[in-house]
Amino acid sequence: HLVSPTAYQADPVAFAQNPVGSGA
């Protein structure tokens, strides 16, 4: 699954609960 590297690298733990993708 393609995630936003910017959002993921900023805080992987927080990202898991507030995901940022490119989907519909």
mmCIF file of all heavy atoms, coordinates in Angstrom:
data_MODEL
# 
_entry.id   MODEL 
# 
loop_
_atom_site.group_PDB 
_atom_site.id 
_atom_site.type_symbol 
_atom_site.label_atom_id 
_atom_site.label_alt_id 
_atom_site.label_comp_id 
_atom_site.label_asym_id 
_atom_site.label_entity_id 
_atom_site.label_seq_id 
_atom_site.pdbx_PDB_ins_code 
_atom_site.Cartn_x 
_atom_site.Cartn_y 
_atom_site.Cartn_z 
_atom_site.occupancy 
_atom_site.B_iso_or_equiv 
_atom_site.pdbx_formal_charge 
_atom_site.auth_seq_id 
_atom_site.auth_comp_id 
_atom_site.auth_asym_id 
_atom_site.auth_atom_id 
_atom_site.pdbx_PDB_model_num 
ATOM 1   N N   . HIS A 1 1  ? 0.862   -1.168 0.000  1.00 0.00 ? 1  HIS A N   1 
ATOM 2   C CA  . HIS A 1 1  ? 0.000   0.000  0.000  1.00 0.00 ? 1  HIS A CA  1 
ATOM 3   C C   . HIS A 1 1  ? 0.908   1.230  0.000  1.00 0.00 ? 1  HIS A C   1 
ATOM 4   O O   . HIS A 1 1  ? 1.929   1.267  0.686  1.00 0.00 ? 1  HIS A O   1 
ATOM 5   C CB  . HIS A 1 1  ? -0.878  0.017  1.250  1.00 0.00 ? 1  HIS A CB  1 
ATOM 6   C CG  . HIS A 1 1  ? -1.917  -1.065 1.259  1.00 0.00 ? 1  HIS A CG  1 
ATOM 7   N ND1 . HIS A 1 1  ? -1.618  -2.375 1.565  1.00 0.00 ? 1  HIS A ND1 1 
ATOM 8   C CD2 . HIS A 1 1  ? -3.239  -1.027 0.991  1.00 0.00 ? 1  HIS A CD2 1 
ATOM 9   C CE1 . HIS A 1 1  ? -2.721  -3.098 1.495  1.00 0.00 ? 1  HIS A CE1 1 
ATOM 10  N NE2 . HIS A 1 1  ? -3.722  -2.317 1.144  1.00 0.00 ? 1  HIS A NE2 1 
ATOM 11  N N   . LEU A 1 2  ? 0.527   2.217  -0.771 1.00 0.00 ? 2  LEU A N   1 
ATOM 12  C CA  . LEU A 1 2  ? 1.382   3.392  -0.935 1.00 0.00 ? 2  LEU A CA  1 
ATOM 13  C C   . LEU A 1 2  ? 0.962   4.482  0.037  1.00 0.00 ? 2  LEU A C   1 
ATOM 14  O O   . LEU A 1 2  ? -0.142  5.022  -0.038 1.00 0.00 ? 2  LEU A O   1 
ATOM 15  C CB  . LEU A 1 2  ? 1.308   3.875  -2.387 1.00 0.00 ? 2  LEU A CB  1 
ATOM 16  C CG  . LEU A 1 2  ? 1.721   2.796  -3.411 1.00 0.00 ? 2  LEU A CG  1 
ATOM 17  C CD1 . LEU A 1 2  ? 1.493   3.277  -4.829 1.00 0.00 ? 2  LEU A CD1 1 
ATOM 18  C CD2 . LEU A 1 2  ? 3.171   2.369  -3.201 1.00 0.00 ? 2  LEU A CD2 1 
ATOM 19  N N   . VAL A 1 3  ? 1.848   4.769  0.969  1.00 0.00 ? 3  VAL A N   1 
ATOM 20  C CA  . VAL A 1 3  ? 1.586   5.747  2.027  1.00 0.00 ? 3  VAL A CA  1 
ATOM 21  C C   . VAL A 1 3  ? 2.362   7.027  1.738  1.00 0.00 ? 3  VAL A C   1 
ATOM 22  O O   . VAL A 1 3  ? 3.339   7.025  0.981  1.00 0.00 ? 3  VAL A O   1 
ATOM 23  C CB  . VAL A 1 3  ? 1.990   5.194  3.411  1.00 0.00 ? 3  VAL A CB  1 
ATOM 24  C CG1 . VAL A 1 3  ? 1.393   3.813  3.642  1.00 0.00 ? 3  VAL A CG1 1 
ATOM 25  C CG2 . VAL A 1 3  ? 3.525   5.122  3.547  1.00 0.00 ? 3  VAL A CG2 1 
ATOM 26  N N   . SER A 1 4  ? 1.943   8.117  2.352  1.00 0.00 ? 4  SER A N   1 
ATOM 27  C CA  . SER A 1 4  ? 2.706   9.360  2.251  1.00 0.00 ? 4  SER A CA  1 
ATOM 28  C C   . SER A 1 4  ? 3.991   9.235  3.064  1.00 0.00 ? 4  SER A C   1 
ATOM 29  O O   . SER A 1 4  ? 3.935   9.127  4.286  1.00 0.00 ? 4  SER A O   1 
ATOM 30  C CB  . SER A 1 4  ? 1.884   10.525 2.789  1.00 0.00 ? 4  SER A CB  1 
ATOM 31  O OG  . SER A 1 4  ? 2.722   11.641 3.044  1.00 0.00 ? 4  SER A OG  1 
ATOM 32  N N   . PRO A 1 5  ? 5.170   9.216  2.412  1.00 0.00 ? 5  PRO A N   1 
ATOM 33  C CA  . PRO A 1 5  ? 6.413   9.129  3.190  1.00 0.00 ? 5  PRO A CA  1 
ATOM 34  C C   . PRO A 1 5  ? 6.554   10.292 4.171  1.00 0.00 ? 5  PRO A C   1 
ATOM 35  O O   . PRO A 1 5  ? 7.061   10.107 5.281  1.00 0.00 ? 5  PRO A O   1 
ATOM 36  C CB  . PRO A 1 5  ? 7.504   9.168  2.113  1.00 0.00 ? 5  PRO A CB  1 
ATOM 37  C CG  . PRO A 1 5  ? 6.837   8.683  0.871  1.00 0.00 ? 5  PRO A CG  1 
ATOM 38  C CD  . PRO A 1 5  ? 5.433   9.207  0.963  1.00 0.00 ? 5  PRO A CD  1 
ATOM 39  N N   . THR A 1 6  ? 6.106   11.481 3.771  1.00 0.00 ? 6  THR A N   1 
ATOM 40  C CA  . THR A 1 6  ? 6.219   12.657 4.646  1.00 0.00 ? 6  THR A CA  1 
ATOM 41  C C   . THR A 1 6  ? 5.461   12.437 5.939  1.00 0.00 ? 6  THR A C   1 
ATOM 42  O O   . THR A 1 6  ? 5.991   12.656 7.034  1.00 0.00 ? 6  THR A O   1 
ATOM 43  C CB  . THR A 1 6  ? 5.674   13.903 3.922  1.00 0.00 ? 6  THR A CB  1 
ATOM 44  O OG1 . THR A 1 6  ? 6.390   14.087 2.694  1.00 0.00 ? 6  THR A OG1 1 
ATOM 45  C CG2 . THR A 1 6  ? 5.818   15.134 4.792  1.00 0.00 ? 6  THR A CG2 1 
ATOM 46  N N   . ALA A 1 7  ? 4.212   11.991 5.829  1.00 0.00 ? 7  ALA A N   1 
ATOM 47  C CA  . ALA A 1 7  ? 3.396   11.785 7.028  1.00 0.00 ? 7  ALA A CA  1 
ATOM 48  C C   . ALA A 1 7  ? 3.900   10.593 7.830  1.00 0.00 ? 7  ALA A C   1 
ATOM 49  O O   . ALA A 1 7  ? 3.935   10.641 9.067  1.00 0.00 ? 7  ALA A O   1 
ATOM 50  C CB  . ALA A 1 7  ? 1.941   11.577 6.621  1.00 0.00 ? 7  ALA A CB  1 
ATOM 51  N N   . TYR A 1 8  ? 4.296   9.535  7.174  1.00 0.00 ? 8  TYR A N   1 
ATOM 52  C CA  . TYR A 1 8  ? 4.731   8.326  7.873  1.00 0.00 ? 8  TYR A CA  1 
ATOM 53  C C   . TYR A 1 8  ? 6.016   8.574  8.644  1.00 0.00 ? 8  TYR A C   1 
ATOM 54  O O   . TYR A 1 8  ? 6.137   8.200  9.825  1.00 0.00 ? 8  TYR A O   1 
ATOM 55  C CB  . TYR A 1 8  ? 4.935   7.192  6.873  1.00 0.00 ? 8  TYR A CB  1 
ATOM 56  C CG  . TYR A 1 8  ? 5.035   5.818  7.496  1.00 0.00 ? 8  TYR A CG  1 
ATOM 57  C CD1 . TYR A 1 8  ? 3.949   4.965  7.499  1.00 0.00 ? 8  TYR A CD1 1 
ATOM 58  C CD2 . TYR A 1 8  ? 6.232   5.369  8.068  1.00 0.00 ? 8  TYR A CD2 1 
ATOM 59  C CE1 . TYR A 1 8  ? 4.037   3.698  8.067  1.00 0.00 ? 8  TYR A CE1 1 
ATOM 60  C CE2 . TYR A 1 8  ? 6.329   4.119  8.634  1.00 0.00 ? 8  TYR A CE2 1 
ATOM 61  C CZ  . TYR A 1 8  ? 5.230   3.279  8.633  1.00 0.00 ? 8  TYR A CZ  1 
ATOM 62  O OH  . TYR A 1 8  ? 5.333   2.021  9.206  1.00 0.00 ? 8  TYR A OH  1 
ATOM 63  N N   . GLN A 1 9  ? 6.996   9.204  8.013  1.00 0.00 ? 9  GLN A N   1 
ATOM 64  C CA  . GLN A 1 9  ? 8.283   9.422  8.664  1.00 0.00 ? 9  GLN A CA  1 
ATOM 65  C C   . GLN A 1 9  ? 8.197   10.424 9.808  1.00 0.00 ? 9  GLN A C   1 
ATOM 66  O O   . GLN A 1 9  ? 8.990   10.357 10.750 1.00 0.00 ? 9  GLN A O   1 
ATOM 67  C CB  . GLN A 1 9  ? 9.304   9.893  7.630  1.00 0.00 ? 9  GLN A CB  1 
ATOM 68  C CG  . GLN A 1 9  ? 9.708   8.806  6.643  1.00 0.00 ? 9  GLN A CG  1 
ATOM 69  C CD  . GLN A 1 9  ? 10.635  9.330  5.551  1.00 0.00 ? 9  GLN A CD  1 
ATOM 70  O OE1 . GLN A 1 9  ? 10.318  10.315 4.871  1.00 0.00 ? 9  GLN A OE1 1 
ATOM 71  N NE2 . GLN A 1 9  ? 11.767  8.676  5.363  1.00 0.00 ? 9  GLN A NE2 1 
ATOM 72  N N   . ALA A 1 10 ? 7.231   11.326 9.752  1.00 0.00 ? 10 ALA A N   1 
ATOM 73  C CA  . ALA A 1 10 ? 7.092   12.318 10.827 1.00 0.00 ? 10 ALA A CA  1 
ATOM 74  C C   . ALA A 1 10 ? 6.789   11.652 12.160 1.00 0.00 ? 10 ALA A C   1 
ATOM 75  O O   . ALA A 1 10 ? 7.293   12.074 13.203 1.00 0.00 ? 10 ALA A O   1 
ATOM 76  C CB  . ALA A 1 10 ? 5.989   13.320 10.474 1.00 0.00 ? 10 ALA A CB  1 
ATOM 77  N N   . ASP A 1 11 ? 5.970   10.580 12.146 1.00 0.00 ? 11 ASP A N   1 
ATOM 78  C CA  . ASP A 1 11 ? 5.628   9.872  13.381 1.00 0.00 ? 11 ASP A CA  1 
ATOM 79  C C   . ASP A 1 11 ? 4.920   8.580  13.016 1.00 0.00 ? 11 ASP A C   1 
ATOM 80  O O   . ASP A 1 11 ? 3.692   8.548  12.883 1.00 0.00 ? 11 ASP A O   1 
ATOM 81  C CB  . ASP A 1 11 ? 4.722   10.736 14.270 1.00 0.00 ? 11 ASP A CB  1 
ATOM 82  C CG  . ASP A 1 11 ? 4.527   10.139 15.657 1.00 0.00 ? 11 ASP A CG  1 
ATOM 83  O OD1 . ASP A 1 11 ? 4.734   8.921  15.822 1.00 0.00 ? 11 ASP A OD1 1 
ATOM 84  O OD2 . ASP A 1 11 ? 4.143   10.888 16.569 1.00 0.00 ? 11 ASP A OD2 1 
ATOM 85  N N   . PRO A 1 12 ? 5.659   7.477  12.833 1.00 0.00 ? 12 PRO A N   1 
ATOM 86  C CA  . PRO A 1 12 ? 5.040   6.221  12.411 1.00 0.00 ? 12 PRO A CA  1 
ATOM 87  C C   . PRO A 1 12 ? 3.954   5.724  13.366 1.00 0.00 ? 12 PRO A C   1 
ATOM 88  O O   . PRO A 1 12 ? 2.954   5.139  12.915 1.00 0.00 ? 12 PRO A O   1 
ATOM 89  C CB  . PRO A 1 12 ? 6.222   5.239  12.369 1.00 0.00 ? 12 PRO A CB  1 
ATOM 90  C CG  . PRO A 1 12 ? 7.426   6.106  12.146 1.00 0.00 ? 12 PRO A CG  1 
ATOM 91  C CD  . PRO A 1 12 ? 7.133   7.370  12.904 1.00 0.00 ? 12 PRO A CD  1 
ATOM 92  N N   . VAL A 1 13 ? 4.127   5.937  14.666 1.00 0.00 ? 13 VAL A N   1 
ATOM 93  C CA  . VAL A 1 13 ? 3.137   5.481  15.642 1.00 0.00 ? 13 VAL A CA  1 
ATOM 94  C C   . VAL A 1 13 ? 1.833   6.252  15.470 1.00 0.00 ? 13 VAL A C   1 
ATOM 95  O O   . VAL A 1 13 ? 0.742   5.677  15.434 1.00 0.00 ? 13 VAL A O   1 
ATOM 96  C CB  . VAL A 1 13 ? 3.670   5.620  17.081 1.00 0.00 ? 13 VAL A CB  1 
ATOM 97  C CG1 . VAL A 1 13 ? 2.584   5.254  18.086 1.00 0.00 ? 13 VAL A CG1 1 
ATOM 98  C CG2 . VAL A 1 13 ? 4.902   4.732  17.271 1.00 0.00 ? 13 VAL A CG2 1 
ATOM 99  N N   . ALA A 1 14 ? 1.946   7.566  15.351 1.00 0.00 ? 14 ALA A N   1 
ATOM 100 C CA  . ALA A 1 14 ? 0.746   8.383  15.155 1.00 0.00 ? 14 ALA A CA  1 
ATOM 101 C C   . ALA A 1 14 ? 0.107   8.091  13.802 1.00 0.00 ? 14 ALA A C   1 
ATOM 102 O O   . ALA A 1 14 ? -1.125  8.098  13.674 1.00 0.00 ? 14 ALA A O   1 
ATOM 103 C CB  . ALA A 1 14 ? 1.106   9.861  15.266 1.00 0.00 ? 14 ALA A CB  1 
ATOM 104 N N   . PHE A 1 15 ? 0.929   7.825  12.801 1.00 0.00 ? 15 PHE A N   1 
ATOM 105 C CA  . PHE A 1 15 ? 0.416   7.536  11.466 1.00 0.00 ? 15 PHE A CA  1 
ATOM 106 C C   . PHE A 1 15 ? -0.514  6.323  11.490 1.00 0.00 ? 15 PHE A C   1 
ATOM 107 O O   . PHE A 1 15 ? -1.520  6.291  10.769 1.00 0.00 ? 15 PHE A O   1 
ATOM 108 C CB  . PHE A 1 15 ? 1.578   7.271  10.501 1.00 0.00 ? 15 PHE A CB  1 
ATOM 109 C CG  . PHE A 1 15 ? 1.151   7.020  9.080  1.00 0.00 ? 15 PHE A CG  1 
ATOM 110 C CD1 . PHE A 1 15 ? 1.101   8.055  8.165  1.00 0.00 ? 15 PHE A CD1 1 
ATOM 111 C CD2 . PHE A 1 15 ? 0.789   5.743  8.647  1.00 0.00 ? 15 PHE A CD2 1 
ATOM 112 C CE1 . PHE A 1 15 ? 0.694   7.830  6.850  1.00 0.00 ? 15 PHE A CE1 1 
ATOM 113 C CE2 . PHE A 1 15 ? 0.387   5.512  7.342  1.00 0.00 ? 15 PHE A CE2 1 
ATOM 114 C CZ  . PHE A 1 15 ? 0.338   6.561  6.442  1.00 0.00 ? 15 PHE A CZ  1 
ATOM 115 N N   . ALA A 1 16 ? -0.188  5.325  12.298 1.00 0.00 ? 16 ALA A N   1 
ATOM 116 C CA  . ALA A 1 16 ? -0.984  4.108  12.348 1.00 0.00 ? 16 ALA A CA  1 
ATOM 117 C C   . ALA A 1 16 ? -2.422  4.367  12.794 1.00 0.00 ? 16 ALA A C   1 
ATOM 118 O O   . ALA A 1 16 ? -3.324  3.565  12.511 1.00 0.00 ? 16 ALA A O   1 
ATOM 119 C CB  . ALA A 1 16 ? -0.332  3.089  13.281 1.00 0.00 ? 16 ALA A CB  1 
ATOM 120 N N   . GLN A 1 17 ? -2.638  5.491  13.473 1.00 0.00 ? 17 GLN A N   1 
ATOM 121 C CA  . GLN A 1 17 ? -3.986  5.845  13.917 1.00 0.00 ? 17 GLN A CA  1 
ATOM 122 C C   . GLN A 1 17 ? -4.574  7.002  13.109 1.00 0.00 ? 17 GLN A C   1 
ATOM 123 O O   . GLN A 1 17 ? -5.778  7.277  13.209 1.00 0.00 ? 17 GLN A O   1 
ATOM 124 C CB  . GLN A 1 17 ? -3.964  6.195  15.402 1.00 0.00 ? 17 GLN A CB  1 
ATOM 125 C CG  . GLN A 1 17 ? -3.430  5.088  16.302 1.00 0.00 ? 17 GLN A CG  1 
ATOM 126 C CD  . GLN A 1 17 ? -4.191  3.775  16.150 1.00 0.00 ? 17 GLN A CD  1 
ATOM 127 O OE1 . GLN A 1 17 ? -5.403  3.772  15.939 1.00 0.00 ? 17 GLN A OE1 1 
ATOM 128 N NE2 . GLN A 1 17 ? -3.481  2.658  16.246 1.00 0.00 ? 17 GLN A NE2 1 
ATOM 129 N N   . ASN A 1 18 ? -3.747  7.670  12.329 1.00 0.00 ? 18 ASN A N   1 
ATOM 130 C CA  . ASN A 1 18 ? -4.200  8.788  11.489 1.00 0.00 ? 18 ASN A CA  1 
ATOM 131 C C   . ASN A 1 18 ? -3.539  8.664  10.119 1.00 0.00 ? 18 ASN A C   1 
ATOM 132 O O   . ASN A 1 18 ? -2.657  9.435  9.760  1.00 0.00 ? 18 ASN A O   1 
ATOM 133 C CB  . ASN A 1 18 ? -3.838  10.125 12.139 1.00 0.00 ? 18 ASN A CB  1 
ATOM 134 C CG  . ASN A 1 18 ? -4.611  10.356 13.421 1.00 0.00 ? 18 ASN A CG  1 
ATOM 135 O OD1 . ASN A 1 18 ? -5.764  10.759 13.403 1.00 0.00 ? 18 ASN A OD1 1 
ATOM 136 N ND2 . ASN A 1 18 ? -3.958  10.077 14.552 1.00 0.00 ? 18 ASN A ND2 1 
ATOM 137 N N   . PRO A 1 19 ? -3.983  7.696  9.330  1.00 0.00 ? 19 PRO A N   1 
ATOM 138 C CA  . PRO A 1 19 ? -3.292  7.351  8.088  1.00 0.00 ? 19 PRO A CA  1 
ATOM 139 C C   . PRO A 1 19 ? -3.466  8.396  6.991  1.00 0.00 ? 19 PRO A C   1 
ATOM 140 O O   . PRO A 1 19 ? -4.482  9.097  6.919  1.00 0.00 ? 19 PRO A O   1 
ATOM 141 C CB  . PRO A 1 19 ? -3.963  6.036  7.680  1.00 0.00 ? 19 PRO A CB  1 
ATOM 142 C CG  . PRO A 1 19 ? -5.335  6.133  8.279  1.00 0.00 ? 19 PRO A CG  1 
ATOM 143 C CD  . PRO A 1 19 ? -5.156  6.844  9.575  1.00 0.00 ? 19 PRO A CD  1 
ATOM 144 N N   . VAL A 1 20 ? -2.459  8.470  6.113  1.00 0.00 ? 20 VAL A N   1 
ATOM 145 C CA  . VAL A 1 20 ? -2.486  9.379  4.972  1.00 0.00 ? 20 VAL A CA  1 
ATOM 146 C C   . VAL A 1 20 ? -2.080  8.591  3.729  1.00 0.00 ? 20 VAL A C   1 
ATOM 147 O O   . VAL A 1 20 ? -0.938  8.156  3.597  1.00 0.00 ? 20 VAL A O   1 
ATOM 148 C CB  . VAL A 1 20 ? -1.535  10.571 5.169  1.00 0.00 ? 20 VAL A CB  1 
ATOM 149 C CG1 . VAL A 1 20 ? -1.582  11.493 3.944  1.00 0.00 ? 20 VAL A CG1 1 
ATOM 150 C CG2 . VAL A 1 20 ? -1.886  11.348 6.435  1.00 0.00 ? 20 VAL A CG2 1 
ATOM 151 N N   . GLY A 1 21 ? -3.031  8.400  2.820  1.00 0.00 ? 21 GLY A N   1 
ATOM 152 C CA  . GLY A 1 21 ? -2.755  7.716  1.571  1.00 0.00 ? 21 GLY A CA  1 
ATOM 153 C C   . GLY A 1 21 ? -3.109  8.597  0.398  1.00 0.00 ? 21 GLY A C   1 
ATOM 154 O O   . GLY A 1 21 ? -3.119  9.831  0.503  1.00 0.00 ? 21 GLY A O   1 
ATOM 155 N N   . SER A 1 22 ? -3.431  7.963  -0.729 1.00 0.00 ? 22 SER A N   1 
ATOM 156 C CA  . SER A 1 22 ? -3.845  8.699  -1.922 1.00 0.00 ? 22 SER A CA  1 
ATOM 157 C C   . SER A 1 22 ? -5.168  8.175  -2.456 1.00 0.00 ? 22 SER A C   1 
ATOM 158 O O   . SER A 1 22 ? -5.588  8.537  -3.547 1.00 0.00 ? 22 SER A O   1 
ATOM 159 C CB  . SER A 1 22 ? -2.772  8.581  -3.017 1.00 0.00 ? 22 SER A CB  1 
ATOM 160 O OG  . SER A 1 22 ? -2.569  7.214  -3.365 1.00 0.00 ? 22 SER A OG  1 
ATOM 161 N N   . GLY A 1 23 ? -5.830  7.294  -1.687 1.00 0.00 ? 23 GLY A N   1 
ATOM 162 C CA  . GLY A 1 23 ? -6.986  6.568  -2.159 1.00 0.00 ? 23 GLY A CA  1 
ATOM 163 C C   . GLY A 1 23 ? -8.250  7.381  -2.298 1.00 0.00 ? 23 GLY A C   1 
ATOM 164 O O   . GLY A 1 23 ? -8.280  8.602  -2.079 1.00 0.00 ? 23 GLY A O   1 
ATOM 165 N N   . ALA A 1 24 ? -9.327  6.687  -2.627 1.00 0.00 ? 24 ALA A N   1 
ATOM 166 C CA  . ALA A 1 24 ? -10.610 7.332  -2.911 1.00 0.00 ? 24 ALA A CA  1 
ATOM 167 C C   . ALA A 1 24 ? -11.220 7.991  -1.679 1.00 0.00 ? 24 ALA A C   1 
ATOM 168 O O   . ALA A 1 24 ? -12.038 8.902  -1.800 1.00 0.00 ? 24 ALA A O   1 
ATOM 169 C CB  . ALA A 1 24 ? -11.583 6.312  -3.489 1.00 0.00 ? 24 ALA A CB  1 
# 
